[in-house]
Amino acid sequence: MPHIPFSTLSERHLVYVYLVVWILQFGYALWMWSAWRKTRSR
């Protein structure tokens, strides 16, 4: 497991920003997939 730097506030902030972006992208992909499934089932 790679070492995640939490020593300074800026590094911690960068890690949080990356996590938020990944969560948003994953949620958007899930939403698009569910919308695509709904349109295909009609």
PDB file of N, CA and C in Angstrom:
ATOM      1  N   MET A   1       0.847  -1.191   0.000  1.00  0.00           N
ATOM      2  CA  MET A   1       0.000   0.000   0.000  1.00  0.00           C
ATOM      3  C   MET A   1       0.888   1.248   0.000  1.00  0.00           C
ATOM      4  N   PRO A   2       0.631   2.178  -0.898  1.00  0.00           N
ATOM      5  CA  PRO A   2       1.498   3.365  -0.952  1.00  0.00           C
ATOM      6  C   PRO A   2       1.298   4.265   0.258  1.00  0.00           C
ATOM      7  N   HIS A   3       2.342   4.988   0.564  1.00  0.00           N
ATOM      8  CA  HIS A   3       2.276   5.906   1.708  1.00  0.00           C
ATOM      9  C   HIS A   3       1.538   7.168   1.303  1.00  0.00           C
ATOM     10  N   ILE A   4       0.474   7.499   2.024  1.00  0.00           N
ATOM     11  CA  ILE A   4      -0.277   8.723   1.746  1.00  0.00           C
ATOM     12  C   ILE A   4       0.249   9.823   2.669  1.00  0.00           C
ATOM     13  N   PRO A   5       0.766  10.896   2.113  1.00  0.00           N
ATOM     14  CA  PRO A   5       1.343  11.944   2.972  1.00  0.00           C
ATOM     15  C   PRO A   5       0.261  12.772   3.661  1.00  0.00           C
ATOM     16  N   PHE A   6       0.249  12.697   4.973  1.00  0.00           N
ATOM     17  CA  PHE A   6      -0.683  13.513   5.759  1.00  0.00           C
ATOM     18  C   PHE A   6       0.063  14.468   6.678  1.00  0.00           C
ATOM     19  N   SER A   7       1.322  14.769   6.317  1.00  0.00           N
ATOM     20  CA  SER A   7       2.139  15.549   7.239  1.00  0.00           C
ATOM     21  C   SER A   7       1.740  17.016   7.243  1.00  0.00           C
ATOM     22  N   THR A   8       1.448  17.574   6.056  1.00  0.00           N
ATOM     23  CA  THR A   8       1.096  18.987   6.002  1.00  0.00           C
ATOM     24  C   THR A   8      -0.361  19.153   5.607  1.00  0.00           C
ATOM     25  N   LEU A   9      -0.883  20.326   5.864  1.00  0.00           N
ATOM     26  CA  LEU A   9      -2.292  20.588   5.577  1.00  0.00           C
ATOM     27  C   LEU A   9      -2.551  20.599   4.076  1.00  0.00           C
ATOM     28  N   SER A  10      -1.586  21.100   3.295  1.00  0.00           N
ATOM     29  CA  SER A  10      -1.802  21.157   1.848  1.00  0.00           C
ATOM     30  C   SER A  10      -1.848  19.756   1.250  1.00  0.00           C
ATOM     31  N   GLU A  11      -1.003  18.843   1.731  1.00  0.00           N
ATOM     32  CA  GLU A  11      -1.039  17.472   1.230  1.00  0.00           C
ATOM     33  C   GLU A  11      -2.354  16.799   1.605  1.00  0.00           C
ATOM     34  N   ARG A  12      -2.816  17.029   2.833  1.00  0.00           N
ATOM     35  CA  ARG A  12      -4.088  16.455   3.257  1.00  0.00           C
ATOM     36  C   ARG A  12      -5.223  17.016   2.398  1.00  0.00           C
ATOM     37  N   HIS A  13      -5.182  18.314   2.122  1.00  0.00           N
ATOM     38  CA  HIS A  13      -6.210  18.940   1.298  1.00  0.00           C
ATOM     39  C   HIS A  13      -6.196  18.347  -0.107  1.00  0.00           C
ATOM     40  N   LEU A  14      -5.003  18.098  -0.651  1.00  0.00           N
ATOM     41  CA  LEU A  14      -4.897  17.521  -1.984  1.00  0.00           C
ATOM     42  C   LEU A  14      -5.502  16.126  -2.026  1.00  0.00           C
ATOM     43  N   VAL A  15      -5.252  15.328  -0.988  1.00  0.00           N
ATOM     44  CA  VAL A  15      -5.824  13.981  -0.930  1.00  0.00           C
ATOM     45  C   VAL A  15      -7.343  14.059  -0.852  1.00  0.00           C
ATOM     46  N   TYR A  16      -7.871  14.996  -0.062  1.00  0.00           N
ATOM     47  CA  TYR A  16      -9.325  15.129   0.041  1.00  0.00           C
ATOM     48  C   TYR A  16      -9.934  15.553  -1.290  1.00  0.00           C
ATOM     49  N   VAL A  17      -9.265  16.457  -2.003  1.00  0.00           N
ATOM     50  CA  VAL A  17      -9.779  16.903  -3.303  1.00  0.00           C
ATOM     51  C   VAL A  17      -9.808  15.737  -4.287  1.00  0.00           C
ATOM     52  N   TYR A  18      -8.728  14.934  -4.292  1.00  0.00           N
ATOM     53  CA  TYR A  18      -8.715  13.764  -5.169  1.00  0.00           C
ATOM     54  C   TYR A  18      -9.859  12.811  -4.829  1.00  0.00           C
ATOM     55  N   LEU A  19     -10.092  12.571  -3.539  1.00  0.00           N
ATOM     56  CA  LEU A  19     -11.176  11.672  -3.145  1.00  0.00           C
ATOM     57  C   LEU A  19     -12.528  12.198  -3.601  1.00  0.00           C
ATOM     58  N   VAL A  20     -12.764  13.496  -3.433  1.00  0.00           N
ATOM     59  CA  VAL A  20     -14.045  14.082  -3.830  1.00  0.00           C
ATOM     60  C   VAL A  20     -14.242  13.961  -5.334  1.00  0.00           C
ATOM     61  N   VAL A  21     -13.183  14.212  -6.103  1.00  0.00           N
ATOM     62  CA  VAL A  21     -13.295  14.115  -7.568  1.00  0.00           C
ATOM     63  C   VAL A  21     -13.601  12.689  -7.985  1.00  0.00           C
ATOM     64  N   TRP A  22     -12.912  11.700  -7.360  1.00  0.00           N
ATOM     65  CA  TRP A  22     -13.175  10.298  -7.705  1.00  0.00           C
ATOM     66  C   TRP A  22     -14.611   9.907  -7.362  1.00  0.00           C
ATOM     67  N   ILE A  23     -15.102  10.361  -6.195  1.00  0.00           N
ATOM     68  CA  ILE A  23     -16.470  10.024  -5.802  1.00  0.00           C
ATOM     69  C   ILE A  23     -17.480  10.647  -6.769  1.00  0.00           C
ATOM     70  N   LEU A  24     -17.239  11.905  -7.159  1.00  0.00           N
ATOM     71  CA  LEU A  24     -18.146  12.564  -8.095  1.00  0.00           C
ATOM     72  C   LEU A  24     -18.146  11.852  -9.449  1.00  0.00           C
ATOM     73  N   GLN A  25     -16.976  11.482  -9.938  1.00  0.00           N
ATOM     74  CA  GLN A  25     -16.903  10.807 -11.233  1.00  0.00           C
ATOM     75  C   GLN A  25     -17.583   9.444 -11.169  1.00  0.00           C
ATOM     76  N   PHE A  26     -17.376   8.717 -10.071  1.00  0.00           N
ATOM     77  CA  PHE A  26     -17.989   7.405  -9.937  1.00  0.00           C
ATOM     78  C   PHE A  26     -19.512   7.518  -9.851  1.00  0.00           C
ATOM     79  N   GLY A  27     -19.989   8.487  -9.087  1.00  0.00           N
ATOM     80  CA  GLY A  27     -21.426   8.693  -8.974  1.00  0.00           C
ATOM     81  C   GLY A  27     -22.038   9.114 -10.299  1.00  0.00           C
ATOM     82  N   TYR A  28     -21.344   9.959 -11.050  1.00  0.00           N
ATOM     83  CA  TYR A  28     -21.852  10.387 -12.353  1.00  0.00           C
ATOM     84  C   TYR A  28     -21.898   9.211 -13.328  1.00  0.00           C
ATOM     85  N   ALA A  29     -20.857   8.365 -13.275  1.00  0.00           N
ATOM     86  CA  ALA A  29     -20.836   7.194 -14.156  1.00  0.00           C
ATOM     87  C   ALA A  29     -21.987   6.247 -13.804  1.00  0.00           C
ATOM     88  N   LEU A  30     -22.251   6.043 -12.514  1.00  0.00           N
ATOM     89  CA  LEU A  30     -23.368   5.189 -12.107  1.00  0.00           C
ATOM     90  C   LEU A  30     -24.701   5.776 -12.561  1.00  0.00           C
ATOM     91  N   TRP A  31     -24.837   7.100 -12.431  1.00  0.00           N
ATOM     92  CA  TRP A  31     -26.081   7.755 -12.831  1.00  0.00           C
ATOM     93  C   TRP A  31     -26.293   7.622 -14.338  1.00  0.00           C
ATOM     94  N   MET A  32     -25.224   7.827 -15.131  1.00  0.00           N
ATOM     95  CA  MET A  32     -25.324   7.685 -16.574  1.00  0.00           C
ATOM     96  C   MET A  32     -25.658   6.244 -16.949  1.00  0.00           C
ATOM     97  N   TRP A  33     -25.049   5.282 -16.256  1.00  0.00           N
ATOM     98  CA  TRP A  33     -25.307   3.870 -16.556  1.00  0.00           C
ATOM     99  C   TRP A  33     -26.762   3.509 -16.259  1.00  0.00           C
ATOM    100  N   SER A  34     -27.294   4.005 -15.136  1.00  0.00           N
ATOM    101  CA  SER A  34     -28.686   3.689 -14.809  1.00  0.00           C
ATOM    102  C   SER A  34     -29.639   4.364 -15.788  1.00  0.00           C
ATOM    103  N   ALA A  35     -29.326   5.580 -16.207  1.00  0.00           N
ATOM    104  CA  ALA A  35     -30.174   6.261 -17.186  1.00  0.00           C
ATOM    105  C   ALA A  35     -30.119   5.538 -18.528  1.00  0.00           C
ATOM    106  N   TRP A  36     -28.942   5.031 -18.894  1.00  0.00           N
ATOM    107  CA  TRP A  36     -28.801   4.296 -20.156  1.00  0.00           C
ATOM    108  C   TRP A  36     -29.579   2.983 -20.101  1.00  0.00           C
ATOM    109  N   ARG A  37     -29.561   2.329 -18.938  1.00  0.00           N
ATOM    110  CA  ARG A  37     -30.322   1.080 -18.795  1.00  0.00           C
ATOM    111  C   ARG A  37     -31.818   1.346 -18.905  1.00  0.00           C
ATOM    112  N   LYS A  38     -32.275   2.480 -18.326  1.00  0.00           N
ATOM    113  CA  LYS A  38     -33.702   2.796 -18.389  1.00  0.00           C
ATOM    114  C   LYS A  38     -34.137   3.067 -19.818  1.00  0.00           C
ATOM    115  N   THR A  39     -33.303   3.772 -20.582  1.00  0.00           N
ATOM    116  CA  THR A  39     -33.689   4.083 -21.957  1.00  0.00           C
ATOM    117  C   THR A  39     -33.618   2.827 -22.825  1.00  0.00           C
ATOM    118  N   ARG A  40     -32.725   1.905 -22.534  1.00  0.00           N
ATOM    119  CA  ARG A  40     -32.636   0.675 -23.322  1.00  0.00           C
ATOM    120  C   ARG A  40     -33.819  -0.260 -23.037  1.00  0.00           C
ATOM    121  N   SER A  41     -34.364  -0.240 -21.834  1.00  0.00           N
ATOM    122  CA  SER A  41     -35.422  -1.184 -21.495  1.00  0.00           C
ATOM    123  C   SER A  41     -36.749  -0.807 -22.115  1.00  0.00           C
ATOM    124  N   ARG A  42     -36.890   0.453 -22.553  1.00  0.00           N
ATOM    125  CA  ARG A  42     -38.160   0.878 -23.142  1.00  0.00           C
ATOM    126  C   ARG A  42     -38.357   0.306 -24.522  1.00  0.00           C
TER     127      ARG A  42
END
